[in-house]
Structures are given as structure tokens and as C-alpha cells.
Protein backbone atom coordinates (compact mmCIF):
# COMPACT_ATOMS: atom_id res chain seq x y z
CA MET A 1 -4.87 -24.01 13.57
CA ASP A 2 -2.21 -21.99 14.06
CA LEU A 3 -1.91 -18.29 11.61
CA LEU A 4 1.07 -16.62 10.94
CA LEU A 5 2.29 -13.35 9.43
CA ILE A 6 4.91 -13.61 6.70
CA PHE A 7 6.24 -10.67 4.66
CA VAL A 8 6.80 -11.32 1.21
CA TYR A 9 9.14 -8.91 -0.72
CA GLY A 10 9.95 -10.64 -3.69
CA THR A 11 8.30 -12.72 -6.87
CA LEU A 12 5.52 -13.54 -3.71
CA GLN A 13 3.96 -9.81 -4.09
CA THR A 14 0.69 -9.15 -5.94
CA ASP A 15 1.24 -9.18 -10.05
CA GLU A 16 4.62 -11.09 -9.35
CA PRO A 17 5.24 -14.39 -10.78
CA ASN A 18 5.00 -16.43 -7.90
CA HIS A 19 2.13 -14.74 -6.58
CA TYR A 20 -0.58 -17.31 -7.75
CA LEU A 21 0.59 -19.73 -4.81
CA LEU A 22 -0.67 -17.47 -2.54
CA LEU A 23 -4.04 -17.48 -4.33
CA ASP A 24 -4.48 -20.77 -4.60
CA PRO A 25 -6.35 -22.72 -2.18
CA LYS A 26 -5.35 -25.90 -2.47
CA ASN A 27 -1.58 -24.45 -1.08
CA GLY A 28 -3.81 -23.64 2.22
CA LYS A 29 -4.80 -20.24 3.29
CA ALA A 30 -3.69 -16.68 2.71
CA LYS A 31 -5.27 -13.21 3.66
CA LEU A 32 -3.48 -9.92 2.76
CA ILE A 33 -3.24 -7.98 5.37
CA GLY A 34 -1.33 -4.75 3.59
CA LYS A 35 1.54 -3.33 3.02
CA GLY A 36 5.22 -2.63 5.37
CA SER A 37 9.00 -2.25 4.95
CA THR A 38 11.46 -3.82 7.35
CA THR A 39 12.53 -2.08 10.39
CA SER A 40 16.29 -2.42 9.77
CA ARG A 41 17.89 -2.06 6.75
CA TYR A 42 18.89 -5.11 4.70
CA PRO A 43 20.68 -5.87 1.13
CA LEU A 44 17.92 -6.76 -1.13
CA ILE A 45 19.17 -7.84 -4.76
CA VAL A 46 18.46 -9.53 -7.79
CA SER A 47 21.08 -12.81 -8.47
CA SER A 48 21.47 -15.69 -10.22
CA ASP A 49 20.92 -17.55 -13.82
CA TYR A 50 17.11 -16.96 -12.94
CA ASN A 51 17.28 -12.99 -11.76
CA ILE A 52 15.86 -14.30 -8.26
CA PRO A 53 15.44 -11.43 -5.19
CA PHE A 54 17.31 -12.36 -2.46
CA MET A 55 17.09 -10.00 0.42
CA LEU A 56 20.63 -11.37 2.49
CA ASP A 57 21.31 -11.54 6.47
CA LYS A 58 23.26 -8.05 7.46
CA PRO A 59 20.73 -5.78 9.19
CA GLY A 60 21.80 -2.23 9.43
CA HIS A 61 23.20 -2.50 5.73
CA GLY A 62 21.41 -1.43 2.91
CA ASN A 63 17.66 0.46 2.66
CA LEU A 64 14.00 -0.62 4.72
CA ILE A 65 12.95 -2.94 2.48
CA GLU A 66 9.28 -2.71 1.32
CA GLY A 67 6.53 -5.60 1.05
CA GLU A 68 3.21 -7.26 1.65
CA ILE A 69 2.20 -8.68 5.01
CA TYR A 70 0.29 -11.97 4.44
CA ARG A 71 -1.95 -13.76 7.19
CA ILE A 72 -1.25 -17.83 6.48
CA ASP A 73 -1.93 -21.57 7.52
CA GLU A 74 0.72 -24.34 7.97
CA LYS A 75 -0.20 -25.61 4.85
CA MET A 76 0.64 -22.37 2.80
CA LEU A 77 3.59 -21.97 5.10
CA GLN A 78 4.94 -25.37 3.76
CA VAL A 79 4.19 -24.37 0.27
CA LEU A 80 6.40 -21.83 0.88
CA ASP A 81 8.94 -23.44 2.64
CA GLU A 82 9.21 -25.54 -0.46
CA LEU A 83 9.45 -22.89 -3.09
CA GLU A 84 11.89 -20.90 -1.07
CA GLY A 85 14.04 -24.31 -0.31
CA HIS A 86 13.66 -23.90 3.63
CA PRO A 87 16.15 -24.06 5.35
CA LYS A 88 18.78 -25.08 3.07
CA PHE A 89 18.68 -22.62 0.73
CA TYR A 90 16.41 -19.40 2.38
CA THR A 91 16.03 -19.64 5.85
CA ARG A 92 12.57 -18.32 7.23
CA THR A 93 13.05 -15.97 9.65
CA PRO A 94 11.31 -13.67 12.59
CA ILE A 95 11.87 -9.74 11.48
CA ASP A 96 9.86 -6.52 12.27
CA ILE A 97 8.02 -4.64 9.88
CA THR A 98 6.31 -1.29 10.05
CA ILE A 99 2.93 -1.29 8.71
CA THR A 100 3.09 1.16 6.06
CA GLU A 101 -0.99 0.59 4.59
CA LEU A 102 -3.77 -1.45 5.77
CA GLY A 103 -5.39 -3.67 2.95
CA TYR A 104 -7.37 -5.96 4.35
CA CYS A 105 -9.75 -5.26 7.83
CA ASP A 106 -10.02 -8.24 10.14
CA THR A 107 -11.44 -7.39 13.48
CA GLU A 108 -9.25 -10.31 14.84
CA LEU A 109 -6.10 -8.24 13.75
CA PRO A 110 -6.07 -4.72 15.14
CA TYR A 111 -3.01 -3.22 13.38
CA SER A 112 -2.88 0.02 12.86
CA VAL A 113 -0.73 1.76 9.99
CA GLN A 114 2.53 2.25 11.32
CA ASP A 115 2.54 -0.26 14.01
CA VAL A 116 5.53 -2.50 14.26
CA ILE A 117 4.49 -6.24 13.82
CA GLN A 118 6.66 -9.81 13.77
CA CYS A 119 6.75 -11.39 10.91
CA ASN A 120 8.62 -14.11 9.46
CA THR A 121 10.29 -13.91 5.95
CA TYR A 122 12.72 -15.58 3.52
CA ILE A 123 16.77 -14.65 3.89
CA ILE A 124 19.95 -15.74 2.85
CA LYS A 125 21.91 -16.49 5.93
CA ASN A 126 26.07 -17.20 5.14
CA PHE A 127 25.94 -15.67 1.99
CA ASN A 128 28.93 -15.35 -0.40
CA THR A 129 30.12 -11.49 0.03
CA ASP A 130 30.32 -10.32 -3.18
CA LEU A 131 27.22 -10.44 -3.47
CA ILE A 132 26.75 -7.10 -1.38
CA ASN A 133 28.31 -5.87 -4.53
CA ASN A 134 24.68 -5.82 -6.62
CA GLU A 135 22.28 -2.83 -6.42
CA LEU A 136 21.09 -2.52 -3.31
CA LEU A 137 17.16 -2.59 -4.49
CA THR A 138 14.41 -1.21 -1.98
CA HIS A 139 11.32 -2.51 -3.57
CA TYR A 140 11.61 -5.89 -6.18
CA THR A 141 9.54 -5.70 -9.37
CA SER A 142 10.29 -8.14 -11.89
CA TYR A 143 8.94 -5.12 -14.44
CA HIS A 144 11.73 -2.91 -13.69
CA PRO A 145 13.66 -1.76 -16.37
CA LYS A 146 16.99 -2.60 -14.80
CA ILE A 147 15.75 -5.97 -14.00
CA GLN A 148 16.32 -9.19 -15.97
CA PRO A 149 12.65 -10.78 -16.12
CA TYR A 150 12.67 -13.68 -13.08
CA ILE A 151 12.93 -17.26 -14.74
CA LEU A 152 10.08 -19.33 -12.83
CA HIS A 153 10.60 -22.64 -11.20
CA LYS A 154 8.92 -24.54 -14.23
CA GLU A 155 10.95 -22.97 -16.97
CA ARG A 156 14.37 -23.56 -15.66
CA SER A 157 14.28 -27.64 -15.94
CA ASN A 158 15.81 -29.64 -18.76
CA PRO A 159 14.03 -32.57 -19.48
CA GLY A 160 14.70 -35.43 -17.31
CA GLN A 161 15.87 -32.84 -14.81
CA PRO A 162 14.29 -31.20 -11.31
CA GLU A 163 12.55 -28.34 -11.65
CA VAL A 164 15.19 -26.22 -9.37
CA ASN A 165 18.80 -27.19 -8.96
CA TYR A 166 19.39 -25.66 -5.19
CA GLU A 167 22.61 -26.93 -5.20
CA ASP A 168 23.80 -24.51 -7.97
CA LEU A 169 22.18 -22.31 -6.47
CA VAL A 170 23.65 -22.48 -3.05
CA LYS A 171 26.84 -22.33 -4.74
CA HIS A 172 26.22 -19.00 -6.10
CA VAL A 173 24.68 -17.58 -3.63
CA HIS A 174 25.82 -19.06 0.10
CA GLN A 175 29.11 -18.42 1.06
CA SER A 176 32.04 -21.61 0.68
CA ASP A 177 32.65 -23.52 3.74
């Protein structure tokens, strides 16, 4: 089974609300490789009624985004794709990441600090251009005093309604055709 590298910058990071998904062995395998940052600048914002962090597909604008690098299996990838609404909402995209700190020693992965590696991450493409006017972040934490708390999927639903209304999110975040 192929293992892939994924860069998480939002609620999947350690101590963030959705990190539990990476820890649950029923979801597949996930191993923290370390911390990293994007090699290109991107806009990272928090928006929507649910206070979701979004990396917008506008390389060269914004900041170098800090996050964590994980090695995951196909089963975990499916879980993350579902959480992120790939490909309808976020698009899983390969980008270059500079390793800034190693958190896991693995002889199969001969990485060093400052190595540049390619990781998949979830990016908003075809976004509403008004979103660029939001405060641009370098690092997301749901505990930041200026950021409203993230609202978990299970807390978003009304009885009889689906947990996540991606149609409303798409309207808010994506540019109209």
C-alpha cells in the first residue's frame, strides 16, 4: 500500500478540533513526520459561519503557511477527502513544503530540516475574490484570541439535516460561474 505525505495547516493539526481523525486507527494510518511551511506564499484565512481555515489558491500572495506533515495511507486519505469535501469544496493539491522540524525518526524517510518535499494539501480553488480581504494568517490555531472558535461538523446540523451543507459553503467560498 502506497503511503503519501500530506500537509495540514488547519483543524487537523495537533491539539486542533479535527486532529482526532488522524489518531483513530479505524480511519487508517497517520504518522507525524514533523512541521513545515509552504515554499510559496499563500493566503490563509478563516471564514464562513463555521470559522473554517482556508488556504486559497493564489500562490505568491499572503504568507508562508506553517503546518504539520503526516505520512498517511489510502484509507486515511479517504477519511480526509471526505472531511474536506474533496474535490467539490477543497481540492487536494500537491505543493512544495520546507521541513522546519522533524517530529518522528524513521529510517524509511531520510529527511532533514530544510529539505523541500512535495506534499498534498487541501486548497480552495476558484474562490470568491472578496475572501482575499480577510486577515491573512501565517499559522492557524482555533485558540487564537482574534479567531472565533471552529464549529465541528457534528455541531453544524439541525435534526434531520446533513452534518455539513457543502452547497452553502460552496456558495460562500467559491466564485460564481
